[in-house]
């Protein structure tokens, strides 16, 4: 099985693996230029069971070094979190803006934490 093994500053963060119907990604992102604007996320999607997967959501700082190794292994870390498509849909709807500020939307539940919270 193909596995992504992630290191941050020389320390192993996780090994994320996927089955035939799954996908895995490791992504470093910068949003703006603030102190807390950079992060590393390792996640994916379990296509057989329709679950969003999360192994890591890590804040980054200047000078951090990320290493990603693509390996063939039989063992990998289980995700720290998995959310169903329905849970993710409910979360996404909970953060959307209301069209009319005087009207309560009927299909929006309470705010759910983001997958990385």
N, C-alpha and C. Protein backbone atom coordinates (compact mmCIF):
# COMPACT_ATOMS: atom_id res chain seq x y z
N UNK A 1 0.84 -1.17 0.00
CA UNK A 1 0.00 0.00 0.00
C UNK A 1 0.89 1.24 0.00
N UNK A 2 0.49 2.26 -0.72
CA UNK A 2 1.22 3.53 -0.74
C UNK A 2 0.88 4.34 0.50
N UNK A 3 1.92 4.92 1.09
CA UNK A 3 1.79 5.68 2.33
C UNK A 3 2.58 6.98 2.20
N UNK A 4 2.05 8.07 2.73
CA UNK A 4 2.80 9.32 2.85
C UNK A 4 3.28 9.42 4.29
N UNK A 5 4.59 9.48 4.48
CA UNK A 5 5.14 9.67 5.81
C UNK A 5 5.65 11.11 5.88
N UNK A 6 5.19 11.84 6.90
CA UNK A 6 5.44 13.27 7.02
C UNK A 6 6.36 13.53 8.20
N UNK A 7 7.39 14.34 7.95
CA UNK A 7 8.32 14.79 8.99
C UNK A 7 8.28 16.31 9.06
N UNK A 8 8.30 16.84 10.28
CA UNK A 8 8.39 18.28 10.50
C UNK A 8 9.62 18.54 11.36
N UNK A 9 10.57 19.26 10.80
CA UNK A 9 11.83 19.56 11.49
C UNK A 9 12.52 18.30 12.01
N UNK A 10 12.48 17.23 11.20
CA UNK A 10 13.16 15.99 11.54
C UNK A 10 12.37 15.03 12.40
N UNK A 11 11.21 15.45 12.90
CA UNK A 11 10.38 14.58 13.74
C UNK A 11 9.22 14.03 12.92
N UNK A 12 9.02 12.72 13.03
CA UNK A 12 7.92 12.07 12.31
C UNK A 12 6.58 12.55 12.87
N UNK A 13 5.74 13.07 11.99
CA UNK A 13 4.41 13.53 12.38
C UNK A 13 3.40 12.40 12.23
N UNK A 14 3.40 11.75 11.06
CA UNK A 14 2.45 10.67 10.82
C UNK A 14 2.80 9.93 9.54
N UNK A 15 2.20 8.75 9.40
CA UNK A 15 2.20 8.00 8.14
C UNK A 15 0.74 7.80 7.78
N UNK A 16 0.35 8.39 6.66
CA UNK A 16 -1.05 8.35 6.23
C UNK A 16 -1.17 7.40 5.05
N UNK A 17 -2.07 6.42 5.16
CA UNK A 17 -2.23 5.43 4.11
C UNK A 17 -3.63 5.44 3.55
N UNK A 18 -3.77 4.88 2.35
CA UNK A 18 -5.05 4.89 1.66
C UNK A 18 -5.32 3.56 1.00
N UNK A 19 -6.59 3.23 0.92
CA UNK A 19 -7.01 2.05 0.18
C UNK A 19 -7.27 2.41 -1.28
N UNK A 20 -7.79 1.48 -2.03
CA UNK A 20 -8.01 1.65 -3.46
C UNK A 20 -8.97 2.81 -3.75
N UNK A 21 -10.03 2.97 -2.95
CA UNK A 21 -11.03 4.01 -3.19
C UNK A 21 -10.75 5.30 -2.42
N UNK A 22 -9.59 5.42 -1.80
CA UNK A 22 -9.29 6.56 -0.94
C UNK A 22 -8.32 7.52 -1.60
N UNK A 23 -8.22 8.72 -1.01
CA UNK A 23 -7.16 9.63 -1.41
C UNK A 23 -6.58 10.28 -0.17
N UNK A 24 -5.30 10.60 -0.25
CA UNK A 24 -4.57 11.20 0.87
C UNK A 24 -3.81 12.40 0.32
N UNK A 25 -3.73 13.48 1.10
CA UNK A 25 -2.94 14.63 0.69
C UNK A 25 -2.19 15.19 1.88
N UNK A 26 -1.03 15.77 1.59
CA UNK A 26 -0.25 16.51 2.58
C UNK A 26 -0.01 17.87 1.96
N UNK A 27 -0.37 18.92 2.67
CA UNK A 27 -0.37 20.25 2.08
C UNK A 27 0.14 21.27 3.08
N UNK A 28 1.09 22.10 2.65
CA UNK A 28 1.53 23.25 3.43
C UNK A 28 0.87 24.47 2.81
N UNK A 29 0.23 25.29 3.64
CA UNK A 29 -0.54 26.43 3.16
C UNK A 29 -0.15 27.70 3.90
N UNK A 30 -0.08 28.80 3.16
CA UNK A 30 0.11 30.12 3.75
C UNK A 30 -1.07 30.98 3.34
N UNK A 31 -1.69 31.62 4.33
CA UNK A 31 -2.79 32.53 4.06
C UNK A 31 -2.37 33.89 4.60
N UNK A 32 -1.98 34.79 3.72
CA UNK A 32 -1.49 36.09 4.17
C UNK A 32 -0.06 35.97 4.68
N UNK A 33 0.33 36.94 5.53
CA UNK A 33 1.71 36.98 6.00
C UNK A 33 1.81 37.05 7.52
N UNK A 34 0.72 36.83 8.23
CA UNK A 34 0.74 36.91 9.68
C UNK A 34 1.50 35.77 10.33
N UNK A 35 1.75 35.91 11.63
CA UNK A 35 2.48 34.89 12.39
C UNK A 35 1.79 33.53 12.36
N UNK A 36 0.47 33.52 12.36
CA UNK A 36 -0.27 32.26 12.40
C UNK A 36 -0.93 31.96 11.04
N UNK A 37 -0.28 32.38 9.97
CA UNK A 37 -0.89 32.24 8.64
C UNK A 37 -0.46 30.98 7.90
N UNK A 38 0.42 30.18 8.48
CA UNK A 38 0.93 28.99 7.79
C UNK A 38 0.61 27.73 8.57
N UNK A 39 0.23 26.69 7.85
CA UNK A 39 -0.07 25.43 8.51
C UNK A 39 0.18 24.25 7.59
N UNK A 40 0.34 23.10 8.19
CA UNK A 40 0.50 21.82 7.51
C UNK A 40 -0.74 20.99 7.80
N UNK A 41 -1.32 20.44 6.75
CA UNK A 41 -2.49 19.58 6.93
C UNK A 41 -2.26 18.27 6.18
N UNK A 42 -2.53 17.17 6.85
CA UNK A 42 -2.50 15.85 6.23
C UNK A 42 -3.90 15.27 6.40
N UNK A 43 -4.56 15.02 5.29
CA UNK A 43 -5.93 14.53 5.35
C UNK A 43 -6.25 13.72 4.11
N UNK A 44 -7.52 13.36 3.99
CA UNK A 44 -7.93 12.58 2.84
C UNK A 44 -9.40 12.25 2.88
N UNK A 45 -9.77 11.31 2.04
CA UNK A 45 -11.17 10.90 1.93
C UNK A 45 -11.24 9.39 1.75
N UNK A 46 -12.04 8.75 2.59
CA UNK A 46 -12.32 7.32 2.52
C UNK A 46 -13.50 7.14 1.57
N UNK A 47 -13.21 6.83 0.31
CA UNK A 47 -14.25 6.73 -0.70
C UNK A 47 -15.18 5.55 -0.52
N UNK A 48 -14.73 4.49 0.11
CA UNK A 48 -15.58 3.31 0.30
C UNK A 48 -16.66 3.57 1.34
N UNK A 49 -16.34 4.42 2.34
CA UNK A 49 -17.29 4.66 3.43
C UNK A 49 -17.77 6.11 3.52
N UNK A 50 -17.30 6.96 2.62
CA UNK A 50 -17.69 8.37 2.56
C UNK A 50 -17.35 9.13 3.84
N UNK A 51 -16.08 9.06 4.24
CA UNK A 51 -15.60 9.80 5.41
C UNK A 51 -14.42 10.69 5.02
N UNK A 52 -14.43 11.92 5.54
CA UNK A 52 -13.27 12.80 5.45
C UNK A 52 -12.32 12.41 6.59
N UNK A 53 -11.01 12.34 6.28
CA UNK A 53 -10.02 11.87 7.23
C UNK A 53 -9.04 12.99 7.58
N UNK A 54 -8.55 12.99 8.82
CA UNK A 54 -7.58 13.99 9.24
C UNK A 54 -6.52 13.33 10.11
N UNK A 55 -5.27 13.45 9.69
CA UNK A 55 -4.13 12.95 10.48
C UNK A 55 -3.45 14.08 11.23
N UNK A 56 -3.37 15.26 10.61
CA UNK A 56 -2.56 16.33 11.19
C UNK A 56 -3.06 17.68 10.72
N UNK A 57 -3.13 18.62 11.64
CA UNK A 57 -3.30 20.04 11.31
C UNK A 57 -2.35 20.77 12.25
N UNK A 58 -1.24 21.23 11.71
CA UNK A 58 -0.14 21.75 12.52
C UNK A 58 0.20 23.18 12.07
N UNK A 59 0.23 24.10 13.02
CA UNK A 59 0.67 25.46 12.74
C UNK A 59 2.15 25.43 12.37
N UNK A 60 2.57 26.25 11.41
CA UNK A 60 3.96 26.33 11.00
C UNK A 60 4.53 27.70 11.36
N UNK A 61 5.85 27.74 11.51
CA UNK A 61 6.52 29.01 11.78
C UNK A 61 7.70 29.15 10.81
N UNK A 62 8.26 30.34 10.73
CA UNK A 62 9.39 30.57 9.86
C UNK A 62 10.52 29.59 10.15
N UNK A 63 11.10 29.04 9.11
CA UNK A 63 12.21 28.11 9.26
C UNK A 63 11.82 26.66 9.37
N UNK A 64 10.52 26.35 9.53
CA UNK A 64 10.08 24.96 9.60
C UNK A 64 10.41 24.24 8.29
N UNK A 65 10.81 22.98 8.41
CA UNK A 65 11.14 22.16 7.25
C UNK A 65 10.22 20.95 7.24
N UNK A 66 9.55 20.75 6.11
CA UNK A 66 8.62 19.63 5.95
C UNK A 66 9.23 18.65 4.96
N UNK A 67 9.18 17.38 5.32
CA UNK A 67 9.68 16.32 4.43
C UNK A 67 8.55 15.30 4.25
N UNK A 68 8.26 14.97 3.00
CA UNK A 68 7.22 13.99 2.68
C UNK A 68 7.87 12.85 1.91
N UNK A 69 7.69 11.63 2.41
CA UNK A 69 8.25 10.45 1.76
C UNK A 69 7.09 9.58 1.28
N UNK A 70 7.10 9.24 0.02
CA UNK A 70 6.12 8.31 -0.54
C UNK A 70 6.72 6.92 -0.40
N UNK A 71 6.03 6.06 0.35
CA UNK A 71 6.56 4.73 0.66
C UNK A 71 5.55 3.65 0.32
N UNK A 72 6.05 2.45 0.19
CA UNK A 72 5.23 1.26 0.05
C UNK A 72 5.34 0.52 1.38
N UNK A 73 4.24 0.52 2.17
CA UNK A 73 4.24 -0.10 3.50
C UNK A 73 2.90 -0.78 3.74
N UNK A 74 2.89 -1.74 4.64
CA UNK A 74 1.65 -2.40 5.02
C UNK A 74 0.97 -1.72 6.20
N UNK A 75 1.74 -0.98 7.00
CA UNK A 75 1.18 -0.34 8.20
C UNK A 75 1.26 1.17 8.08
N UNK A 76 0.26 1.84 8.64
CA UNK A 76 0.24 3.29 8.69
C UNK A 76 -0.59 3.72 9.89
N UNK A 77 -0.50 4.99 10.24
CA UNK A 77 -1.26 5.52 11.38
C UNK A 77 -2.73 5.66 11.02
N UNK A 78 -3.57 5.38 11.99
CA UNK A 78 -4.99 5.63 11.80
C UNK A 78 -5.24 7.15 11.89
N UNK A 79 -6.20 7.68 11.15
CA UNK A 79 -6.47 9.11 11.24
C UNK A 79 -6.89 9.49 12.65
N UNK A 80 -6.56 10.71 13.06
CA UNK A 80 -6.96 11.20 14.38
C UNK A 80 -8.45 11.53 14.41
N UNK A 81 -8.99 11.80 13.22
CA UNK A 81 -10.39 12.21 13.16
C UNK A 81 -10.98 11.76 11.83
N UNK A 82 -12.23 11.37 11.85
CA UNK A 82 -12.97 11.07 10.63
C UNK A 82 -14.38 11.63 10.79
N UNK A 83 -14.83 12.32 9.75
CA UNK A 83 -16.16 12.93 9.76
C UNK A 83 -16.91 12.46 8.51
N UNK A 84 -18.18 12.14 8.71
CA UNK A 84 -19.00 11.70 7.58
C UNK A 84 -19.26 12.89 6.64
N UNK A 85 -19.67 12.56 5.43
CA UNK A 85 -20.02 13.60 4.46
C UNK A 85 -21.14 14.47 5.04
N UNK A 86 -22.08 13.86 5.73
CA UNK A 86 -23.20 14.61 6.32
C UNK A 86 -22.70 15.58 7.40
N UNK A 87 -21.77 15.12 8.24
CA UNK A 87 -21.21 16.00 9.28
C UNK A 87 -20.46 17.17 8.65
N UNK A 88 -19.70 16.91 7.60
CA UNK A 88 -18.96 17.98 6.92
C UNK A 88 -19.92 18.96 6.26
N UNK A 89 -21.00 18.45 5.68
CA UNK A 89 -22.00 19.31 5.06
C UNK A 89 -22.65 20.20 6.11
N UNK A 90 -23.00 19.62 7.24
CA UNK A 90 -23.61 20.40 8.32
C UNK A 90 -22.65 21.47 8.81
N UNK A 91 -21.37 21.12 8.98
CA UNK A 91 -20.36 22.09 9.41
C UNK A 91 -20.24 23.22 8.39
N UNK A 92 -20.16 22.87 7.09
CA UNK A 92 -20.01 23.89 6.04
C UNK A 92 -21.21 24.83 6.02
N UNK A 93 -22.41 24.28 6.20
CA UNK A 93 -23.61 25.13 6.22
C UNK A 93 -23.63 26.03 7.45
N UNK A 94 -23.06 25.55 8.55
CA UNK A 94 -23.09 26.34 9.79
C UNK A 94 -22.20 27.57 9.74
N UNK A 95 -21.20 27.58 8.84
CA UNK A 95 -20.32 28.74 8.77
C UNK A 95 -20.70 29.68 7.64
N UNK A 96 -21.68 29.29 6.82
CA UNK A 96 -22.11 30.15 5.71
C UNK A 96 -22.84 31.38 6.22
N UNK A 97 -22.77 32.44 5.44
CA UNK A 97 -23.46 33.67 5.81
C UNK A 97 -24.94 33.54 5.48
N UNK A 98 -25.76 34.19 6.27
CA UNK A 98 -27.19 34.22 6.01
C UNK A 98 -27.47 35.19 4.86
N UNK A 99 -28.41 34.83 4.00
CA UNK A 99 -28.78 35.73 2.91
C UNK A 99 -29.50 36.96 3.44
N UNK A 100 -30.37 36.77 4.39
CA UNK A 100 -31.11 37.88 4.98
C UNK A 100 -30.81 37.87 6.47
N UNK A 101 -30.12 38.92 6.99
CA UNK A 101 -29.72 38.91 8.39
C UNK A 101 -30.90 38.88 9.37
N UNK A 102 -32.10 39.22 8.89
CA UNK A 102 -33.29 39.21 9.76
C UNK A 102 -34.01 37.88 9.74
N UNK A 103 -33.53 36.94 8.93
CA UNK A 103 -34.21 35.66 8.76
C UNK A 103 -33.29 34.52 9.18
N UNK A 104 -33.79 33.62 10.00
CA UNK A 104 -33.02 32.45 10.43
C UNK A 104 -33.14 31.35 9.37
N UNK A 105 -32.03 30.84 8.85
CA UNK A 105 -32.13 29.73 7.90
C UNK A 105 -32.65 28.47 8.59
N UNK A 106 -33.50 27.73 7.92
CA UNK A 106 -34.14 26.58 8.54
C UNK A 106 -33.27 25.32 8.52
N UNK A 107 -32.31 25.23 7.60
CA UNK A 107 -31.54 23.99 7.48
C UNK A 107 -30.14 24.08 8.09
N UNK A 108 -29.87 25.11 8.86
CA UNK A 108 -28.55 25.28 9.45
C UNK A 108 -28.60 24.93 10.93
N UNK A 109 -27.73 24.00 11.34
CA UNK A 109 -27.67 23.60 12.74
C UNK A 109 -26.68 24.46 13.50
N UNK A 110 -26.31 24.00 14.67
CA UNK A 110 -25.31 24.71 15.46
C UNK A 110 -23.95 24.55 14.79
N UNK A 111 -23.09 25.54 15.02
CA UNK A 111 -21.76 25.49 14.41
C UNK A 111 -21.00 24.28 14.92
N UNK A 112 -20.49 23.49 14.00
CA UNK A 112 -19.64 22.36 14.34
C UNK A 112 -18.19 22.82 14.21
N UNK A 113 -17.28 22.24 14.96
CA UNK A 113 -15.87 22.61 14.78
C UNK A 113 -15.37 22.14 13.42
N UNK A 114 -14.41 22.87 12.89
CA UNK A 114 -13.79 22.45 11.64
C UNK A 114 -13.11 21.11 11.84
N UNK A 115 -12.84 20.36 10.78
CA UNK A 115 -12.23 19.04 10.93
C UNK A 115 -10.92 19.06 11.72
N UNK A 116 -10.23 20.17 11.73
CA UNK A 116 -8.94 20.25 12.41
C UNK A 116 -9.07 20.81 13.81
N UNK A 117 -10.27 21.18 14.24
CA UNK A 117 -10.46 21.72 15.60
C UNK A 117 -10.68 20.61 16.59
